């Protein structure tokens, strides 16, 4: 996320891809989708958002706990759902 905030889109994407390769999780997928959307990569953002949604469904409790624990995550999820789906 730091690279995204520094407007280093290319390296930000590389970091997200490496993080997913090392261990896919709901927060990484959601943040990657947000970064892609904010940089006008809607189709890729949609792909990662759908992967996020699949992870939430697969992880059940773990995904739901992360969403419940952080209201900002839930709000971002709803915002992305509204513009991507």
N, C-alpha and C. Protein backbone atom coordinates (compact mmCIF):
# COMPACT_ATOMS: atom_id res chain seq x y z
N UNK A 1 0.82 -1.19 0.00
CA UNK A 1 0.00 0.00 0.00
C UNK A 1 0.87 1.25 0.00
N UNK A 2 2.04 1.18 0.62
CA UNK A 2 2.92 2.34 0.68
C UNK A 2 3.30 2.80 -0.72
N UNK A 3 3.63 1.85 -1.59
CA UNK A 3 4.00 2.21 -2.95
C UNK A 3 2.82 2.84 -3.69
N UNK A 4 1.62 2.37 -3.41
CA UNK A 4 0.43 2.97 -4.03
C UNK A 4 0.30 4.42 -3.60
N UNK A 5 0.48 4.66 -2.32
CA UNK A 5 0.35 6.02 -1.80
C UNK A 5 1.46 6.94 -2.31
N UNK A 6 2.58 6.34 -2.71
CA UNK A 6 3.69 7.11 -3.28
C UNK A 6 3.55 7.26 -4.80
N UNK A 7 2.41 6.82 -5.33
CA UNK A 7 2.13 6.88 -6.77
C UNK A 7 3.13 6.09 -7.60
N UNK A 8 3.61 4.98 -7.07
CA UNK A 8 4.50 4.09 -7.79
C UNK A 8 3.70 2.86 -8.21
N UNK A 9 2.84 3.05 -9.19
CA UNK A 9 1.89 2.03 -9.60
C UNK A 9 2.57 0.74 -10.05
N UNK A 10 3.59 0.85 -10.88
CA UNK A 10 4.25 -0.34 -11.42
C UNK A 10 4.85 -1.21 -10.30
N UNK A 11 5.60 -0.60 -9.40
CA UNK A 11 6.19 -1.36 -8.31
C UNK A 11 5.15 -1.81 -7.29
N UNK A 12 4.10 -1.03 -7.15
CA UNK A 12 3.01 -1.43 -6.27
C UNK A 12 2.38 -2.72 -6.76
N UNK A 13 2.11 -2.79 -8.06
CA UNK A 13 1.53 -4.00 -8.64
C UNK A 13 2.47 -5.19 -8.46
N UNK A 14 3.76 -4.96 -8.69
CA UNK A 14 4.73 -6.04 -8.52
C UNK A 14 4.74 -6.54 -7.07
N UNK A 15 4.64 -5.62 -6.12
CA UNK A 15 4.63 -6.01 -4.71
C UNK A 15 3.37 -6.79 -4.37
N UNK A 16 2.22 -6.35 -4.87
CA UNK A 16 0.98 -7.08 -4.62
C UNK A 16 1.05 -8.48 -5.23
N UNK A 17 1.56 -8.58 -6.44
CA UNK A 17 1.66 -9.89 -7.10
C UNK A 17 2.58 -10.82 -6.31
N UNK A 18 3.68 -10.30 -5.80
CA UNK A 18 4.60 -11.11 -5.00
C UNK A 18 3.93 -11.54 -3.70
N UNK A 19 3.21 -10.62 -3.07
CA UNK A 19 2.51 -10.96 -1.83
C UNK A 19 1.48 -12.06 -2.06
N UNK A 20 0.76 -11.99 -3.16
CA UNK A 20 -0.24 -13.02 -3.49
C UNK A 20 0.45 -14.35 -3.75
N UNK A 21 1.59 -14.30 -4.41
CA UNK A 21 2.36 -15.50 -4.69
C UNK A 21 2.81 -16.17 -3.38
N UNK A 22 3.20 -15.36 -2.40
CA UNK A 22 3.68 -15.88 -1.12
C UNK A 22 2.56 -16.38 -0.22
N UNK A 23 1.39 -15.83 -0.37
CA UNK A 23 0.27 -16.26 0.47
C UNK A 23 -0.94 -15.38 0.23
N UNK A 24 -1.84 -15.88 -0.56
CA UNK A 24 -3.03 -15.13 -0.95
C UNK A 24 -3.92 -14.88 0.27
N UNK A 25 -4.36 -13.64 0.45
CA UNK A 25 -5.30 -13.35 1.54
C UNK A 25 -6.27 -12.26 1.12
N UNK A 26 -7.35 -12.15 1.88
CA UNK A 26 -8.43 -11.25 1.50
C UNK A 26 -8.01 -9.79 1.48
N UNK A 27 -7.24 -9.37 2.44
CA UNK A 27 -6.86 -7.96 2.53
C UNK A 27 -5.95 -7.56 1.36
N UNK A 28 -5.00 -8.42 1.01
CA UNK A 28 -4.12 -8.13 -0.12
C UNK A 28 -4.92 -8.03 -1.41
N UNK A 29 -5.84 -8.96 -1.63
CA UNK A 29 -6.66 -8.93 -2.85
C UNK A 29 -7.51 -7.67 -2.92
N UNK A 30 -8.11 -7.30 -1.79
CA UNK A 30 -8.95 -6.11 -1.78
C UNK A 30 -8.11 -4.86 -2.05
N UNK A 31 -6.98 -4.74 -1.38
CA UNK A 31 -6.13 -3.57 -1.59
C UNK A 31 -5.59 -3.50 -3.02
N UNK A 32 -5.25 -4.65 -3.59
CA UNK A 32 -4.78 -4.68 -4.97
C UNK A 32 -5.90 -4.23 -5.90
N UNK A 33 -7.11 -4.70 -5.68
CA UNK A 33 -8.25 -4.28 -6.50
C UNK A 33 -8.46 -2.77 -6.40
N UNK A 34 -8.33 -2.22 -5.22
CA UNK A 34 -8.49 -0.77 -5.03
C UNK A 34 -7.41 -0.02 -5.79
N UNK A 35 -6.17 -0.47 -5.67
CA UNK A 35 -5.06 0.17 -6.37
C UNK A 35 -5.28 0.14 -7.88
N UNK A 36 -5.68 -1.01 -8.39
CA UNK A 36 -5.94 -1.12 -9.83
C UNK A 36 -7.08 -0.20 -10.25
N UNK A 37 -8.15 -0.19 -9.50
CA UNK A 37 -9.28 0.68 -9.83
C UNK A 37 -8.87 2.15 -9.82
N UNK A 38 -8.11 2.54 -8.82
CA UNK A 38 -7.67 3.94 -8.72
C UNK A 38 -6.72 4.35 -9.83
N UNK A 39 -6.18 3.36 -10.53
CA UNK A 39 -5.27 3.64 -11.65
C UNK A 39 -5.89 3.24 -12.99
N UNK A 40 -7.22 3.30 -13.05
CA UNK A 40 -7.97 3.07 -14.29
C UNK A 40 -7.74 1.71 -14.93
N UNK A 41 -7.54 0.71 -14.10
CA UNK A 41 -7.40 -0.67 -14.58
C UNK A 41 -8.63 -1.46 -14.11
N UNK A 42 -9.81 -1.06 -14.59
CA UNK A 42 -11.05 -1.63 -14.10
C UNK A 42 -11.17 -3.13 -14.31
N UNK A 43 -10.77 -3.63 -15.46
CA UNK A 43 -10.92 -5.07 -15.71
C UNK A 43 -10.04 -5.88 -14.77
N UNK A 44 -8.81 -5.47 -14.59
CA UNK A 44 -7.93 -6.18 -13.65
C UNK A 44 -8.44 -6.01 -12.22
N UNK A 45 -8.96 -4.82 -11.91
CA UNK A 45 -9.52 -4.59 -10.58
C UNK A 45 -10.69 -5.55 -10.35
N UNK A 46 -11.53 -5.73 -11.34
CA UNK A 46 -12.67 -6.65 -11.23
C UNK A 46 -12.18 -8.07 -10.98
N UNK A 47 -11.14 -8.50 -11.70
CA UNK A 47 -10.59 -9.85 -11.53
C UNK A 47 -10.12 -10.06 -10.09
N UNK A 48 -9.39 -9.09 -9.55
CA UNK A 48 -8.87 -9.23 -8.19
C UNK A 48 -9.98 -9.09 -7.15
N UNK A 49 -10.98 -8.28 -7.44
CA UNK A 49 -12.11 -8.17 -6.52
C UNK A 49 -12.88 -9.49 -6.47
N UNK A 50 -13.07 -10.12 -7.62
CA UNK A 50 -13.75 -11.41 -7.64
C UNK A 50 -12.93 -12.47 -6.92
N UNK A 51 -11.59 -12.41 -7.05
CA UNK A 51 -10.72 -13.32 -6.30
C UNK A 51 -10.86 -13.06 -4.80
N UNK A 52 -10.96 -11.80 -4.42
CA UNK A 52 -11.20 -11.42 -3.03
C UNK A 52 -12.50 -12.04 -2.53
N UNK A 53 -13.57 -11.91 -3.30
CA UNK A 53 -14.86 -12.46 -2.91
C UNK A 53 -14.80 -13.98 -2.78
N UNK A 54 -14.08 -14.64 -3.68
CA UNK A 54 -13.92 -16.10 -3.59
C UNK A 54 -13.19 -16.49 -2.31
N UNK A 55 -12.13 -15.73 -1.99
CA UNK A 55 -11.38 -16.02 -0.77
C UNK A 55 -12.24 -15.85 0.47
N UNK A 56 -13.04 -14.80 0.49
CA UNK A 56 -13.94 -14.59 1.63
C UNK A 56 -14.87 -15.79 1.78
N UNK A 57 -15.42 -16.25 0.67
CA UNK A 57 -16.34 -17.38 0.71
C UNK A 57 -15.63 -18.67 1.14
N UNK A 58 -14.41 -18.88 0.62
CA UNK A 58 -13.64 -20.09 0.93
C UNK A 58 -13.17 -20.10 2.38
N UNK A 59 -12.70 -18.95 2.85
CA UNK A 59 -12.14 -18.87 4.19
C UNK A 59 -13.21 -18.84 5.26
N UNK A 60 -14.42 -18.53 4.85
CA UNK A 60 -15.52 -18.52 5.81
C UNK A 60 -15.21 -17.64 7.01
N UNK A 61 -14.91 -18.25 8.12
CA UNK A 61 -14.66 -17.52 9.36
C UNK A 61 -13.53 -16.53 9.26
N UNK A 62 -12.38 -16.92 8.69
CA UNK A 62 -11.22 -16.03 8.64
C UNK A 62 -11.52 -14.80 7.80
N UNK A 63 -12.15 -14.99 6.65
CA UNK A 63 -12.49 -13.85 5.81
C UNK A 63 -13.53 -12.96 6.47
N UNK A 64 -14.50 -13.58 7.09
CA UNK A 64 -15.56 -12.83 7.75
C UNK A 64 -15.02 -12.08 8.96
N UNK A 65 -14.10 -12.68 9.69
CA UNK A 65 -13.50 -12.02 10.85
C UNK A 65 -12.73 -10.78 10.44
N UNK A 66 -11.97 -10.88 9.35
CA UNK A 66 -11.21 -9.72 8.87
C UNK A 66 -12.15 -8.59 8.49
N UNK A 67 -13.25 -8.94 7.83
CA UNK A 67 -14.22 -7.92 7.42
C UNK A 67 -14.93 -7.31 8.62
N UNK A 68 -15.29 -8.13 9.57
CA UNK A 68 -16.00 -7.64 10.75
C UNK A 68 -15.09 -6.80 11.64
N UNK A 69 -13.82 -7.15 11.69
CA UNK A 69 -12.88 -6.47 12.57
C UNK A 69 -12.53 -5.07 12.06
N UNK A 70 -12.63 -4.86 10.78
CA UNK A 70 -12.23 -3.59 10.20
C UNK A 70 -13.38 -3.03 9.37
N UNK A 71 -14.07 -2.06 9.92
CA UNK A 71 -15.22 -1.47 9.22
C UNK A 71 -14.81 -0.84 7.90
N UNK A 72 -13.58 -0.34 7.83
CA UNK A 72 -13.10 0.27 6.59
C UNK A 72 -13.03 -0.76 5.46
N UNK A 73 -12.62 -1.98 5.80
CA UNK A 73 -12.57 -3.04 4.79
C UNK A 73 -13.97 -3.30 4.24
N UNK A 74 -14.93 -3.40 5.13
CA UNK A 74 -16.31 -3.63 4.70
C UNK A 74 -16.83 -2.51 3.82
N UNK A 75 -16.49 -1.27 4.17
CA UNK A 75 -16.93 -0.13 3.38
C UNK A 75 -16.28 -0.13 2.00
N UNK A 76 -14.98 -0.44 1.96
CA UNK A 76 -14.28 -0.50 0.67
C UNK A 76 -14.84 -1.62 -0.19
N UNK A 77 -15.17 -2.73 0.44
CA UNK A 77 -15.76 -3.85 -0.29
C UNK A 77 -17.05 -3.43 -0.97
N UNK A 78 -17.90 -2.76 -0.23
CA UNK A 78 -19.18 -2.32 -0.79
C UNK A 78 -19.00 -1.29 -1.90
N UNK A 79 -18.05 -0.38 -1.73
CA UNK A 79 -17.79 0.64 -2.75
C UNK A 79 -17.31 -0.01 -4.04
N UNK A 80 -16.37 -0.94 -3.92
CA UNK A 80 -15.87 -1.62 -5.11
C UNK A 80 -16.96 -2.46 -5.77
N UNK A 81 -17.74 -3.15 -4.98
CA UNK A 81 -18.83 -3.96 -5.52
C UNK A 81 -19.75 -3.09 -6.37
N UNK A 82 -20.03 -1.89 -5.87
CA UNK A 82 -20.94 -0.99 -6.58
C UNK A 82 -20.39 -0.53 -7.93
N UNK A 83 -19.09 -0.36 -8.04
CA UNK A 83 -18.54 0.17 -9.30
C UNK A 83 -18.00 -0.91 -10.23
N UNK A 84 -17.69 -2.08 -9.68
CA UNK A 84 -17.08 -3.13 -10.52
C UNK A 84 -18.05 -4.22 -10.96
N UNK A 85 -19.11 -4.43 -10.20
CA UNK A 85 -20.01 -5.55 -10.54
C UNK A 85 -21.33 -5.03 -11.08
